[in-house]
Amino acid sequence: MPESVIRIEGLAEFSRSLRQLDSEAPKQLRLVHNEAANLLIKRTTPKVPRISGNAVASMKAKSTRTSARVSVGGRRAPYFPWLDFGGRTGIRGSVVRPFYREGRYVYVTLAEITPEIQQLLLDGLTEVARGAGLDVD
């Protein structure tokens, strides 16, 4: 699977420290992560084929205070992984879509916009720190 992680060293410690300063501040981290996940969804959406629109509608931001995630598929569109990566499906694998290890939509878009996501996270984390009363340079 392609590299799918943007790591921020010390984020868990940062979150714990923010909680000591302001109990509401760690909640702001989740919102910053949701912004990053929503950016990926926004940029991926035009690339995903639509017949019913369920595949696009299944893309959701699922973030915590220490991670940003994008969830796809689920009950609404269980075929999304096949659509993105390919493979065989149907009766006895009768429907074939060429397999792409790196995927066609989500991971490719993530690779394209990684610098934008990193900047968005940096700006958001800086604002959260300033909002908690920390001096950031």
Protein backbone atom coordinates (compact mmCIF):
# COMPACT_ATOMS: atom_id res chain seq x y z
CA MET A 1 0.00 0.00 0.00
CA PRO A 2 1.29 3.49 -0.75
CA GLU A 3 2.59 5.79 1.95
CA SER A 4 -0.56 7.09 3.57
CA VAL A 5 0.66 8.78 6.69
CA ILE A 6 1.75 12.30 7.49
CA ARG A 7 3.41 12.04 10.89
CA ILE A 8 3.61 14.89 13.37
CA GLU A 9 6.12 14.03 16.06
CA GLY A 10 5.03 14.99 19.56
CA LEU A 11 1.35 15.48 18.67
CA ALA A 12 0.07 13.24 21.49
CA GLU A 13 2.24 15.09 24.03
CA PHE A 14 1.10 18.42 22.57
CA SER A 15 -2.53 17.34 23.00
CA ARG A 16 -1.97 16.28 26.61
CA SER A 17 -0.23 19.56 27.39
CA LEU A 18 -3.06 21.54 25.81
CA ARG A 19 -5.55 19.71 28.00
CA GLN A 20 -3.68 20.94 31.07
CA LEU A 21 -3.88 24.55 29.82
CA ASP A 22 -7.43 24.53 28.48
CA SER A 23 -9.85 21.60 28.53
CA GLU A 24 -11.45 22.74 25.24
CA ALA A 25 -8.20 23.02 23.27
CA PRO A 26 -7.77 19.31 22.41
CA LYS A 27 -11.22 19.38 20.80
CA GLN A 28 -9.87 22.03 18.43
CA LEU A 29 -7.19 19.57 17.29
CA ARG A 30 -9.91 17.23 16.04
CA LEU A 31 -11.41 20.08 14.03
CA VAL A 32 -8.03 20.85 12.46
CA HIS A 33 -7.66 17.18 11.49
CA ASN A 34 -11.17 17.18 10.04
CA GLU A 35 -10.21 20.16 7.87
CA ALA A 36 -7.26 18.20 6.49
CA ALA A 37 -9.40 15.10 5.84
CA ASN A 38 -12.10 17.23 4.20
CA LEU A 39 -9.51 18.79 1.90
CA LEU A 40 -8.54 15.31 0.72
CA ILE A 41 -12.21 14.42 0.20
CA LYS A 42 -12.84 17.65 -1.71
CA ARG A 43 -9.91 17.02 -4.04
CA THR A 44 -10.72 13.32 -4.53
CA THR A 45 -14.43 13.75 -5.22
CA PRO A 46 -14.13 14.96 -8.85
CA LYS A 47 -11.96 11.95 -9.73
CA VAL A 48 -14.37 9.25 -8.51
CA PRO A 49 -16.80 7.96 -11.17
CA ARG A 50 -20.49 8.51 -10.50
CA ILE A 51 -23.47 6.45 -11.45
CA SER A 52 -25.57 6.64 -8.29
CA GLY A 53 -23.24 8.96 -6.36
CA ASN A 54 -23.02 6.52 -3.43
CA ALA A 55 -19.25 6.06 -3.73
CA VAL A 56 -18.62 9.80 -3.41
CA ALA A 57 -21.21 10.15 -0.65
CA SER A 58 -19.50 7.37 1.33
CA MET A 59 -16.32 9.42 1.76
CA LYS A 60 -16.31 10.78 5.33
CA ALA A 61 -13.79 12.53 7.57
CA LYS A 62 -13.27 10.52 10.78
CA SER A 63 -10.71 12.35 12.87
CA THR A 64 -9.56 12.33 16.46
CA ARG A 65 -7.36 14.76 18.37
CA THR A 66 -4.27 12.80 17.28
CA SER A 67 -5.15 11.60 13.78
CA ALA A 68 -7.00 12.52 10.61
CA ARG A 69 -8.71 9.78 8.61
CA VAL A 70 -10.91 9.42 5.58
CA SER A 71 -13.39 6.56 5.61
CA VAL A 72 -14.70 5.20 2.30
CA GLY A 73 -17.17 2.53 1.27
CA GLY A 74 -19.07 0.93 4.11
CA ARG A 75 -22.66 -0.23 3.74
CA ARG A 76 -23.48 2.63 1.43
CA ALA A 77 -20.84 1.73 -1.18
CA PRO A 78 -19.12 -1.58 -0.35
CA TYR A 79 -17.63 -1.59 -3.86
CA PHE A 80 -15.49 1.53 -3.27
CA PRO A 81 -12.24 -0.42 -2.61
CA TRP A 82 -12.80 -2.36 -5.86
CA LEU A 83 -13.49 0.91 -7.67
CA ASP A 84 -10.30 2.48 -6.29
CA PHE A 85 -7.87 -0.45 -6.41
CA GLY A 86 -9.44 -2.88 -8.87
CA GLY A 87 -9.52 -6.66 -8.78
CA ARG A 88 -12.24 -9.22 -9.43
CA THR A 89 -15.83 -9.25 -8.25
CA GLY A 90 -19.15 -10.74 -9.24
CA ILE A 91 -20.06 -14.38 -9.76
CA ARG A 92 -16.81 -16.36 -9.80
CA GLY A 93 -14.82 -13.14 -10.27
CA SER A 94 -16.43 -12.47 -13.63
CA VAL A 95 -16.08 -8.67 -13.40
CA VAL A 96 -12.45 -7.64 -13.72
CA ARG A 97 -10.94 -4.22 -13.15
CA PRO A 98 -7.15 -3.85 -13.49
CA PHE A 99 -5.48 -3.83 -10.08
CA TYR A 100 -3.49 -0.71 -9.12
CA ARG A 101 -1.54 -1.09 -5.91
CA GLU A 102 -1.42 2.69 -5.39
CA GLY A 103 -5.12 3.04 -6.14
CA ARG A 104 -6.77 5.39 -8.56
CA TYR A 105 -8.31 8.09 -6.38
CA VAL A 106 -7.66 8.50 -2.65
CA TYR A 107 -3.94 7.69 -2.31
CA VAL A 108 -3.05 9.31 -5.61
CA THR A 109 -4.77 12.52 -4.52
CA LEU A 110 -3.10 12.34 -1.11
CA ALA A 111 0.30 12.13 -2.79
CA GLU A 112 -0.56 15.14 -4.96
CA ILE A 113 -1.73 17.40 -2.13
CA THR A 114 0.52 16.32 0.75
CA PRO A 115 2.29 19.72 0.90
CA GLU A 116 -1.08 21.52 1.12
CA ILE A 117 -2.27 19.21 3.89
CA GLN A 118 0.98 19.68 5.79
CA GLN A 119 0.63 23.47 5.58
CA LEU A 120 -3.02 23.31 6.64
CA LEU A 121 -2.08 21.17 9.66
CA LEU A 122 0.81 23.48 10.57
CA ASP A 123 -1.38 26.57 10.39
CA GLY A 124 -4.20 24.90 12.31
CA LEU A 125 -1.97 23.56 15.08
CA THR A 126 -0.33 26.98 15.40
CA GLU A 127 -3.74 28.63 15.81
CA VAL A 128 -4.80 26.07 18.42
CA ALA A 129 -1.59 26.72 20.38
CA ARG A 130 -2.10 30.49 20.19
CA GLY A 131 -5.72 30.07 21.23
CA ALA A 132 -4.54 28.20 24.33
CA GLY A 133 -2.28 31.13 25.23
CA LEU A 134 1.06 29.75 24.01
CA ASP A 135 3.63 31.89 22.19
CA VAL A 136 4.44 30.32 18.84
CA ASP A 137 7.28 31.47 16.63
